[in-house]
Amino acid sequence: MSKRFRLAGLRFAAFGVAAAVVFGLATMGLWNALMPATFGLPPIGIWQAIGLLILSRLLFGGFGVGRHRRWGRPRFMHSMTQEERERVREGIRRRCGIPFDSPAPPRV
């Protein structure tokens, strides 16, 4: 393994540790500012805050950057022709009880 790859790996690890500390400090600060006064919960430390971040990632997902679009056309419709898309839309309208003669909602 070359020196350049090792240096890139060390930078990546250092960035990950720095990001964990920054997000952990932000979580700890928000928790300690809000939760003890609002719900009577005890303040937490940095390791507990990082643990909360990991737990929230496991439970709810997130932290994903650029994995897929959350808004717009569903992923499976990208490879469809215009006629196939219209058939899918008509099926959705039928199931939702929207009459066919009503105009389609505006696209965003």
N, C-alpha and C. Protein backbone atom coordinates (compact mmCIF):
# COMPACT_ATOMS: atom_id res chain seq x y z
N MET A 1 0.85 -1.18 0.00
CA MET A 1 0.00 0.00 0.00
C MET A 1 0.89 1.23 0.00
N SER A 2 0.57 2.16 -0.84
CA SER A 2 1.43 3.33 -0.97
C SER A 2 1.16 4.34 0.14
N LYS A 3 2.12 5.22 0.28
CA LYS A 3 2.03 6.24 1.32
C LYS A 3 0.83 7.16 1.08
N ARG A 4 0.52 7.41 -0.20
CA ARG A 4 -0.59 8.31 -0.54
C ARG A 4 -1.93 7.75 -0.07
N PHE A 5 -2.14 6.44 -0.22
CA PHE A 5 -3.38 5.83 0.21
C PHE A 5 -3.49 5.80 1.73
N ARG A 6 -2.38 5.56 2.41
CA ARG A 6 -2.41 5.58 3.87
C ARG A 6 -2.74 6.96 4.39
N LEU A 7 -2.17 7.98 3.77
CA LEU A 7 -2.44 9.36 4.17
C LEU A 7 -3.90 9.72 3.93
N ALA A 8 -4.46 9.27 2.81
CA ALA A 8 -5.87 9.52 2.52
C ALA A 8 -6.75 8.81 3.54
N GLY A 9 -6.38 7.60 3.92
CA GLY A 9 -7.14 6.86 4.93
C GLY A 9 -7.10 7.55 6.28
N LEU A 10 -5.93 8.07 6.64
CA LEU A 10 -5.81 8.79 7.91
C LEU A 10 -6.64 10.07 7.90
N ARG A 11 -6.65 10.76 6.78
CA ARG A 11 -7.47 11.97 6.67
C ARG A 11 -8.95 11.63 6.80
N PHE A 12 -9.37 10.56 6.14
CA PHE A 12 -10.76 10.14 6.21
C PHE A 12 -11.15 9.78 7.65
N ALA A 13 -10.29 9.05 8.34
CA ALA A 13 -10.56 8.68 9.73
C ALA A 13 -10.59 9.91 10.63
N ALA A 14 -9.66 10.83 10.41
CA ALA A 14 -9.64 12.05 11.22
C ALA A 14 -10.89 12.89 10.98
N PHE A 15 -11.33 12.97 9.73
CA PHE A 15 -12.56 13.69 9.42
C PHE A 15 -13.76 13.03 10.10
N GLY A 16 -13.81 11.69 10.08
CA GLY A 16 -14.90 10.97 10.74
C GLY A 16 -14.94 11.21 12.24
N VAL A 17 -13.78 11.18 12.88
CA VAL A 17 -13.71 11.42 14.32
C VAL A 17 -14.11 12.86 14.63
N ALA A 18 -13.62 13.82 13.83
CA ALA A 18 -13.98 15.22 14.05
C ALA A 18 -15.47 15.44 13.86
N ALA A 19 -16.05 14.81 12.84
CA ALA A 19 -17.49 14.96 12.61
C ALA A 19 -18.29 14.36 13.77
N ALA A 20 -17.86 13.20 14.27
CA ALA A 20 -18.54 12.57 15.40
C ALA A 20 -18.49 13.47 16.64
N VAL A 21 -17.34 14.09 16.87
CA VAL A 21 -17.19 14.98 18.03
C VAL A 21 -18.07 16.22 17.86
N VAL A 22 -18.07 16.82 16.68
CA VAL A 22 -18.87 18.03 16.45
C VAL A 22 -20.35 17.72 16.60
N PHE A 23 -20.84 16.65 15.93
CA PHE A 23 -22.25 16.30 16.05
C PHE A 23 -22.59 15.85 17.47
N GLY A 24 -21.67 15.17 18.13
CA GLY A 24 -21.89 14.77 19.52
C GLY A 24 -22.00 15.97 20.44
N LEU A 25 -21.13 16.96 20.24
CA LEU A 25 -21.21 18.17 21.06
C LEU A 25 -22.51 18.93 20.81
N ALA A 26 -22.94 18.98 19.56
CA ALA A 26 -24.20 19.66 19.25
C ALA A 26 -25.37 18.93 19.89
N THR A 27 -25.39 17.60 19.80
CA THR A 27 -26.45 16.81 20.41
C THR A 27 -26.43 16.96 21.92
N MET A 28 -25.25 16.91 22.50
CA MET A 28 -25.13 17.06 23.95
C MET A 28 -25.63 18.44 24.40
N GLY A 29 -25.25 19.47 23.68
CA GLY A 29 -25.68 20.82 24.03
C GLY A 29 -27.19 20.98 23.93
N LEU A 30 -27.77 20.47 22.84
CA LEU A 30 -29.23 20.57 22.70
C LEU A 30 -29.95 19.76 23.77
N TRP A 31 -29.47 18.56 24.03
CA TRP A 31 -30.09 17.73 25.06
C TRP A 31 -30.01 18.42 26.42
N ASN A 32 -28.83 18.89 26.78
CA ASN A 32 -28.65 19.49 28.10
C ASN A 32 -29.38 20.82 28.23
N ALA A 33 -29.65 21.49 27.12
CA ALA A 33 -30.40 22.74 27.19
C ALA A 33 -31.90 22.50 27.27
N LEU A 34 -32.38 21.42 26.64
CA LEU A 34 -33.82 21.23 26.54
C LEU A 34 -34.39 20.16 27.46
N MET A 35 -33.80 19.00 27.50
CA MET A 35 -34.41 17.86 28.17
C MET A 35 -34.49 17.97 29.70
N PRO A 36 -33.44 18.42 30.39
CA PRO A 36 -33.59 18.52 31.84
C PRO A 36 -34.69 19.50 32.27
N ALA A 37 -34.78 20.63 31.59
CA ALA A 37 -35.80 21.62 31.97
C ALA A 37 -37.19 21.19 31.52
N THR A 38 -37.30 20.53 30.38
CA THR A 38 -38.61 20.18 29.83
C THR A 38 -39.17 18.91 30.47
N PHE A 39 -38.37 17.86 30.53
CA PHE A 39 -38.87 16.57 30.99
C PHE A 39 -38.24 16.09 32.29
N GLY A 40 -37.33 16.84 32.87
CA GLY A 40 -36.69 16.45 34.11
C GLY A 40 -35.68 15.32 33.94
N LEU A 41 -35.16 15.13 32.73
CA LEU A 41 -34.17 14.09 32.48
C LEU A 41 -32.78 14.59 32.86
N PRO A 42 -31.88 13.68 33.19
CA PRO A 42 -30.53 14.12 33.57
C PRO A 42 -29.72 14.60 32.37
N PRO A 43 -28.75 15.48 32.60
CA PRO A 43 -27.86 15.88 31.50
C PRO A 43 -27.01 14.69 31.04
N ILE A 44 -26.50 14.75 29.81
CA ILE A 44 -25.70 13.66 29.27
C ILE A 44 -24.30 14.16 28.93
N GLY A 45 -23.38 13.23 28.75
CA GLY A 45 -22.01 13.55 28.36
C GLY A 45 -21.82 13.32 26.86
N ILE A 46 -20.61 13.55 26.41
CA ILE A 46 -20.30 13.46 24.98
C ILE A 46 -20.48 12.03 24.46
N TRP A 47 -20.07 11.02 25.22
CA TRP A 47 -20.18 9.64 24.75
C TRP A 47 -21.64 9.21 24.67
N GLN A 48 -22.45 9.67 25.61
CA GLN A 48 -23.88 9.35 25.54
C GLN A 48 -24.53 10.03 24.34
N ALA A 49 -24.08 11.25 24.02
CA ALA A 49 -24.62 11.96 22.87
C ALA A 49 -24.24 11.26 21.57
N ILE A 50 -23.00 10.80 21.46
CA ILE A 50 -22.59 10.06 20.27
C ILE A 50 -23.36 8.75 20.18
N GLY A 51 -23.59 8.10 21.33
CA GLY A 51 -24.41 6.89 21.36
C GLY A 51 -25.84 7.16 20.89
N LEU A 52 -26.41 8.30 21.27
CA LEU A 52 -27.74 8.67 20.79
C LEU A 52 -27.76 8.87 19.28
N LEU A 53 -26.71 9.48 18.74
CA LEU A 53 -26.62 9.66 17.30
C LEU A 53 -26.57 8.32 16.58
N ILE A 54 -25.78 7.39 17.10
CA ILE A 54 -25.68 6.07 16.48
C ILE A 54 -27.00 5.33 16.59
N LEU A 55 -27.66 5.43 17.75
CA LEU A 55 -28.95 4.79 17.93
C LEU A 55 -30.00 5.37 16.99
N SER A 56 -30.01 6.69 16.84
CA SER A 56 -30.98 7.30 15.93
C SER A 56 -30.70 6.89 14.49
N ARG A 57 -29.44 6.72 14.14
CA ARG A 57 -29.08 6.26 12.79
C ARG A 57 -29.58 4.85 12.56
N LEU A 58 -29.43 4.00 13.56
CA LEU A 58 -29.89 2.62 13.42
C LEU A 58 -31.41 2.54 13.34
N LEU A 59 -32.10 3.35 14.13
CA LEU A 59 -33.56 3.28 14.17
C LEU A 59 -34.23 3.98 13.00
N PHE A 60 -33.74 5.13 12.61
CA PHE A 60 -34.45 5.96 11.65
C PHE A 60 -33.72 6.11 10.32
N GLY A 61 -32.52 5.63 10.19
CA GLY A 61 -31.76 5.85 8.96
C GLY A 61 -31.29 7.29 8.91
N GLY A 62 -30.88 7.72 7.77
CA GLY A 62 -30.43 9.09 7.64
C GLY A 62 -28.93 9.17 7.48
N PHE A 63 -28.39 10.32 7.58
CA PHE A 63 -26.97 10.62 7.38
C PHE A 63 -26.53 10.24 5.98
N GLY A 64 -27.46 9.79 5.13
CA GLY A 64 -27.10 9.39 3.78
C GLY A 64 -27.06 10.61 2.88
N VAL A 65 -25.97 10.79 2.20
CA VAL A 65 -25.84 11.93 1.31
C VAL A 65 -25.81 11.41 -0.11
N GLY A 66 -26.79 11.80 -0.90
CA GLY A 66 -26.81 11.46 -2.30
C GLY A 66 -27.10 10.01 -2.62
N ARG A 67 -27.68 9.27 -1.70
CA ARG A 67 -27.97 7.87 -1.99
C ARG A 67 -29.12 7.75 -2.98
N HIS A 68 -30.17 8.49 -2.78
CA HIS A 68 -31.30 8.49 -3.69
C HIS A 68 -32.12 9.73 -3.44
N ARG A 69 -32.91 10.07 -4.43
CA ARG A 69 -33.76 11.24 -4.29
C ARG A 69 -34.96 10.88 -3.45
N ARG A 70 -35.32 11.72 -2.53
CA ARG A 70 -36.50 11.46 -1.71
C ARG A 70 -37.74 12.11 -2.31
N TRP A 71 -37.58 13.09 -3.17
CA TRP A 71 -38.72 13.79 -3.76
C TRP A 71 -38.67 13.62 -5.26
N GLY A 72 -39.78 13.88 -5.90
CA GLY A 72 -39.82 13.79 -7.34
C GLY A 72 -40.36 12.45 -7.78
N ARG A 73 -40.07 12.10 -8.98
CA ARG A 73 -40.58 10.87 -9.57
C ARG A 73 -39.99 9.66 -8.86
N PRO A 74 -40.84 8.67 -8.54
CA PRO A 74 -40.30 7.45 -7.93
C PRO A 74 -39.25 6.80 -8.81
N ARG A 75 -38.34 6.10 -8.20
CA ARG A 75 -37.19 5.52 -8.89
C ARG A 75 -37.61 4.57 -10.01
N PHE A 76 -38.66 3.76 -9.80
CA PHE A 76 -39.04 2.79 -10.80
C PHE A 76 -39.62 3.44 -12.06
N MET A 77 -40.05 4.69 -11.99
CA MET A 77 -40.66 5.34 -13.13
C MET A 77 -39.64 5.94 -14.10
N HIS A 78 -38.38 5.95 -13.74
CA HIS A 78 -37.35 6.54 -14.61
C HIS A 78 -37.19 5.77 -15.92
N SER A 79 -37.37 4.46 -15.85
CA SER A 79 -37.14 3.65 -17.05
C SER A 79 -38.42 3.42 -17.85
N MET A 80 -39.55 4.01 -17.42
CA MET A 80 -40.81 3.80 -18.12
C MET A 80 -40.99 4.77 -19.27
N THR A 81 -41.80 4.34 -20.22
CA THR A 81 -42.20 5.25 -21.29
C THR A 81 -43.31 6.15 -20.78
N GLN A 82 -43.65 7.17 -21.53
CA GLN A 82 -44.69 8.11 -21.12
C GLN A 82 -46.04 7.39 -20.99
N GLU A 83 -46.34 6.45 -21.90
CA GLU A 83 -47.61 5.72 -21.83
C GLU A 83 -47.68 4.86 -20.58
N GLU A 84 -46.57 4.20 -20.22
CA GLU A 84 -46.55 3.39 -19.00
C GLU A 84 -46.75 4.25 -17.77
N ARG A 85 -46.14 5.42 -17.75
CA ARG A 85 -46.32 6.33 -16.61
C ARG A 85 -47.78 6.75 -16.47
N GLU A 86 -48.42 7.05 -17.60
CA GLU A 86 -49.84 7.44 -17.56
C GLU A 86 -50.71 6.32 -17.04
N ARG A 87 -50.41 5.07 -17.43
CA ARG A 87 -51.17 3.92 -16.92
C ARG A 87 -51.01 3.80 -15.41
N VAL A 88 -49.79 4.00 -14.91
CA VAL A 88 -49.56 3.93 -13.46
C VAL A 88 -50.33 5.05 -12.76
N ARG A 89 -50.29 6.25 -13.31
CA ARG A 89 -51.00 7.37 -12.71
C ARG A 89 -52.51 7.13 -12.69
N GLU A 90 -53.04 6.57 -13.79
CA GLU A 90 -54.47 6.28 -13.84
C GLU A 90 -54.85 5.24 -12.79
N GLY A 91 -54.01 4.23 -12.61
CA GLY A 91 -54.27 3.23 -11.58
C GLY A 91 -54.26 3.83 -10.19
N ILE A 92 -53.34 4.74 -9.94
CA ILE A 92 -53.28 5.40 -8.64
C ILE A 92 -54.51 6.26 -8.43
N ARG A 93 -54.91 7.00 -9.47
CA ARG A 93 -56.12 7.83 -9.36
C ARG A 93 -57.35 6.96 -9.10
N ARG A 94 -57.45 5.83 -9.78
CA ARG A 94 -58.59 4.94 -9.59
C ARG A 94 -58.63 4.42 -8.15
N ARG A 95 -57.50 3.99 -7.63
CA ARG A 95 -57.46 3.47 -6.27
C ARG A 95 -57.74 4.55 -5.23
N CYS A 96 -57.37 5.79 -5.53
CA CYS A 96 -57.58 6.89 -4.58
C CYS A 96 -58.95 7.53 -4.75
N GLY A 97 -59.71 7.12 -5.76
CA GLY A 97 -61.04 7.67 -5.96
C GLY A 97 -61.06 9.01 -6.66
N ILE A 98 -60.03 9.34 -7.40
CA ILE A 98 -59.99 10.60 -8.13
C ILE A 98 -60.59 10.34 -9.51
N PRO A 99 -61.62 11.09 -9.91
CA PRO A 99 -62.22 10.84 -11.22
C PRO A 99 -61.24 11.10 -12.36
N PHE A 100 -61.40 10.35 -13.46
CA PHE A 100 -60.49 10.47 -14.58
C PHE A 100 -60.63 11.79 -15.31
N ASP A 101 -61.85 12.39 -15.26
CA ASP A 101 -62.02 13.63 -16.00
C ASP A 101 -61.48 14.84 -15.26
N SER A 102 -61.09 14.66 -13.98
CA SER A 102 -60.50 15.78 -13.25
C SER A 102 -59.07 15.98 -13.74
N PRO A 103 -58.62 17.23 -13.76
CA PRO A 103 -57.25 17.47 -14.22
C PRO A 103 -56.23 16.89 -13.24
N ALA A 104 -55.11 16.51 -13.78
CA ALA A 104 -54.05 15.99 -12.92
C ALA A 104 -53.51 17.11 -12.07
N PRO A 105 -53.09 16.81 -10.85
CA PRO A 105 -52.51 17.86 -10.01
C PRO A 105 -51.26 18.43 -10.64
N PRO A 106 -50.97 19.70 -10.37
CA PRO A 106 -49.77 20.29 -10.97
C PRO A 106 -48.50 19.61 -10.49
N ARG A 107 -47.55 19.50 -11.38
CA ARG A 107 -46.26 18.87 -11.04
C ARG A 107 -45.37 19.90 -10.38
N VAL A 108 -44.60 19.40 -9.45
CA VAL A 108 -43.65 20.27 -8.75
C VAL A 108 -42.26 19.91 -9.16
